[in-house]
Amino acid sequence: MIVKIDFKFLALAIVGFTVAAMTVTESIDKYISFAGEANAAGFFLMSSLLGILGLAGSFERINPKK
């Protein structure tokens, strides 16, 4: 079994997790002004989900033919 890494999805996961971390540390408030804490929490959840799905999609299992 060979594991192949798709770097497009890996880059997407890195961006998603970076935006989620910036939301938690409130450093993204320099770039985006949220209307409330619920909007910031929703933005965090969606960027975290983007990171998780990108990470899951970046690995592909390749079974060699016998």
N, C-alpha and C. Protein backbone atom coordinates (compact mmCIF):
# COMPACT_ATOMS: atom_id res chain seq x y z
N MET A 1 0.84 -1.17 0.00
CA MET A 1 0.00 0.00 0.00
C MET A 1 0.90 1.25 0.00
N ILE A 2 0.57 2.15 -0.88
CA ILE A 2 1.30 3.40 -1.02
C ILE A 2 0.35 4.54 -0.67
N VAL A 3 0.86 5.53 0.08
CA VAL A 3 0.06 6.70 0.43
C VAL A 3 0.56 7.88 -0.39
N LYS A 4 -0.34 8.50 -1.13
CA LYS A 4 -0.01 9.64 -1.97
C LYS A 4 -0.57 10.89 -1.32
N ILE A 5 0.21 11.99 -1.32
CA ILE A 5 -0.23 13.25 -0.73
C ILE A 5 -0.58 14.22 -1.85
N ASP A 6 -1.79 14.75 -1.79
CA ASP A 6 -2.25 15.76 -2.75
C ASP A 6 -2.00 17.13 -2.11
N PHE A 7 -1.04 17.87 -2.64
CA PHE A 7 -0.61 19.10 -2.01
C PHE A 7 -1.62 20.24 -2.16
N LYS A 8 -2.53 20.16 -3.11
CA LYS A 8 -3.57 21.19 -3.22
C LYS A 8 -4.48 21.16 -2.01
N PHE A 9 -4.91 19.96 -1.64
CA PHE A 9 -5.78 19.82 -0.47
C PHE A 9 -5.01 20.08 0.83
N LEU A 10 -3.72 19.72 0.85
CA LEU A 10 -2.92 19.99 2.03
C LEU A 10 -2.75 21.49 2.24
N ALA A 11 -2.54 22.24 1.16
CA ALA A 11 -2.44 23.69 1.27
C ALA A 11 -3.76 24.29 1.74
N LEU A 12 -4.87 23.74 1.26
CA LEU A 12 -6.19 24.19 1.70
C LEU A 12 -6.38 23.94 3.19
N ALA A 13 -5.91 22.80 3.68
CA ALA A 13 -6.02 22.48 5.10
C ALA A 13 -5.17 23.43 5.94
N ILE A 14 -3.98 23.74 5.47
CA ILE A 14 -3.11 24.67 6.20
C ILE A 14 -3.75 26.05 6.29
N VAL A 15 -4.33 26.50 5.19
CA VAL A 15 -5.01 27.81 5.20
C VAL A 15 -6.20 27.79 6.15
N GLY A 16 -6.98 26.72 6.12
CA GLY A 16 -8.15 26.62 6.99
C GLY A 16 -7.78 26.63 8.47
N PHE A 17 -6.75 25.87 8.83
CA PHE A 17 -6.32 25.84 10.22
C PHE A 17 -5.67 27.16 10.65
N THR A 18 -4.99 27.82 9.73
CA THR A 18 -4.39 29.11 10.04
C THR A 18 -5.46 30.16 10.32
N VAL A 19 -6.50 30.19 9.49
CA VAL A 19 -7.60 31.14 9.69
C VAL A 19 -8.34 30.82 10.99
N ALA A 20 -8.50 29.54 11.31
CA ALA A 20 -9.16 29.15 12.57
C ALA A 20 -8.33 29.61 13.77
N ALA A 21 -7.02 29.44 13.68
CA ALA A 21 -6.15 29.88 14.78
C ALA A 21 -6.16 31.40 14.91
N MET A 22 -6.21 32.10 13.79
CA MET A 22 -6.28 33.56 13.84
C MET A 22 -7.61 34.02 14.44
N THR A 23 -8.66 33.26 14.23
CA THR A 23 -9.96 33.61 14.80
C THR A 23 -9.95 33.42 16.32
N VAL A 24 -9.32 32.34 16.79
CA VAL A 24 -9.26 32.09 18.22
C VAL A 24 -8.42 33.15 18.93
N THR A 25 -7.31 33.55 18.33
CA THR A 25 -6.43 34.54 18.97
C THR A 25 -6.88 35.97 18.71
N GLU A 26 -7.97 36.14 17.98
CA GLU A 26 -8.57 37.44 17.67
C GLU A 26 -7.65 38.34 16.84
N SER A 27 -6.65 37.77 16.19
CA SER A 27 -5.80 38.58 15.31
C SER A 27 -6.45 38.80 13.94
N ILE A 28 -7.50 38.05 13.63
CA ILE A 28 -8.20 38.24 12.36
C ILE A 28 -9.11 39.46 12.41
N ASP A 29 -9.32 40.00 13.62
CA ASP A 29 -10.17 41.18 13.76
C ASP A 29 -9.56 42.41 13.08
N LYS A 30 -8.28 42.36 12.77
CA LYS A 30 -7.64 43.45 12.01
C LYS A 30 -8.15 43.47 10.57
N TYR A 31 -8.56 42.33 10.07
CA TYR A 31 -8.94 42.19 8.67
C TYR A 31 -10.46 42.07 8.48
N ILE A 32 -11.14 41.42 9.44
CA ILE A 32 -12.58 41.19 9.35
C ILE A 32 -13.22 41.68 10.64
N SER A 33 -14.25 42.48 10.53
CA SER A 33 -14.97 42.88 11.74
C SER A 33 -16.27 42.08 11.80
N PHE A 34 -16.42 41.30 12.87
CA PHE A 34 -17.59 40.46 13.03
C PHE A 34 -18.69 41.23 13.73
N ALA A 35 -19.94 40.92 13.42
CA ALA A 35 -21.08 41.60 14.03
C ALA A 35 -21.31 41.14 15.46
N GLY A 36 -20.81 39.99 15.83
CA GLY A 36 -20.99 39.48 17.18
C GLY A 36 -20.13 38.25 17.42
N GLU A 37 -20.18 37.78 18.65
CA GLU A 37 -19.38 36.60 19.01
C GLU A 37 -19.90 35.34 18.33
N ALA A 38 -21.19 35.27 18.09
CA ALA A 38 -21.74 34.09 17.41
C ALA A 38 -21.23 34.01 15.97
N ASN A 39 -21.07 35.15 15.32
CA ASN A 39 -20.53 35.15 13.96
C ASN A 39 -19.08 34.70 13.95
N ALA A 40 -18.32 35.14 14.93
CA ALA A 40 -16.92 34.71 15.02
C ALA A 40 -16.83 33.21 15.31
N ALA A 41 -17.72 32.70 16.15
CA ALA A 41 -17.72 31.27 16.45
C ALA A 41 -18.10 30.45 15.22
N GLY A 42 -19.08 30.93 14.47
CA GLY A 42 -19.45 30.25 13.23
C GLY A 42 -18.33 30.28 12.20
N PHE A 43 -17.63 31.39 12.11
CA PHE A 43 -16.50 31.51 11.20
C PHE A 43 -15.39 30.54 11.61
N PHE A 44 -15.16 30.42 12.93
CA PHE A 44 -14.17 29.47 13.43
C PHE A 44 -14.56 28.04 13.09
N LEU A 45 -15.82 27.69 13.30
CA LEU A 45 -16.27 26.33 13.00
C LEU A 45 -16.13 26.01 11.51
N MET A 46 -16.50 26.95 10.66
CA MET A 46 -16.42 26.68 9.22
C MET A 46 -14.96 26.60 8.75
N SER A 47 -14.08 27.44 9.27
CA SER A 47 -12.68 27.37 8.86
C SER A 47 -12.02 26.11 9.42
N SER A 48 -12.43 25.67 10.61
CA SER A 48 -11.92 24.41 11.15
C SER A 48 -12.40 23.23 10.31
N LEU A 49 -13.66 23.26 9.90
CA LEU A 49 -14.19 22.21 9.04
C LEU A 49 -13.47 22.18 7.69
N LEU A 50 -13.15 23.35 7.16
CA LEU A 50 -12.37 23.42 5.92
C LEU A 50 -11.01 22.76 6.11
N GLY A 51 -10.37 23.02 7.24
CA GLY A 51 -9.08 22.40 7.52
C GLY A 51 -9.16 20.90 7.67
N ILE A 52 -10.18 20.43 8.36
CA ILE A 52 -10.34 18.98 8.58
C ILE A 52 -10.64 18.26 7.27
N LEU A 53 -11.54 18.82 6.47
CA LEU A 53 -11.87 18.18 5.20
C LEU A 53 -10.70 18.24 4.21
N GLY A 54 -9.97 19.34 4.23
CA GLY A 54 -8.79 19.43 3.37
C GLY A 54 -7.73 18.43 3.78
N LEU A 55 -7.57 18.25 5.09
CA LEU A 55 -6.59 17.28 5.57
C LEU A 55 -7.00 15.86 5.22
N ALA A 56 -8.29 15.58 5.35
CA ALA A 56 -8.78 14.24 5.01
C ALA A 56 -8.66 13.97 3.51
N GLY A 57 -8.84 14.99 2.70
CA GLY A 57 -8.74 14.81 1.26
C GLY A 57 -7.33 14.81 0.71
N SER A 58 -6.36 15.17 1.53
CA SER A 58 -4.99 15.28 1.02
C SER A 58 -4.26 13.94 0.98
N PHE A 59 -4.80 12.93 1.64
CA PHE A 59 -4.14 11.62 1.64
C PHE A 59 -4.96 10.63 0.83
N GLU A 60 -4.27 9.92 -0.05
CA GLU A 60 -4.93 8.94 -0.92
C GLU A 60 -4.15 7.64 -0.85
N ARG A 61 -4.88 6.56 -0.66
CA ARG A 61 -4.28 5.25 -0.60
C ARG A 61 -4.26 4.63 -1.99
N ILE A 62 -3.11 4.16 -2.40
CA ILE A 62 -2.97 3.52 -3.71
C ILE A 62 -2.53 2.08 -3.48
N ASN A 63 -3.35 1.15 -3.94
CA ASN A 63 -3.01 -0.26 -3.82
C ASN A 63 -2.35 -0.70 -5.13
N PRO A 64 -1.14 -1.26 -5.05
CA PRO A 64 -0.49 -1.71 -6.29
C PRO A 64 -1.21 -2.91 -6.90
N LYS A 65 -1.21 -2.95 -8.22
CA LYS A 65 -1.86 -4.07 -8.91
C LYS A 65 -1.03 -5.33 -8.76
N LYS A 66 -1.74 -6.43 -8.61
CA LYS A 66 -1.04 -7.71 -8.42
C LYS A 66 -0.90 -8.44 -9.72
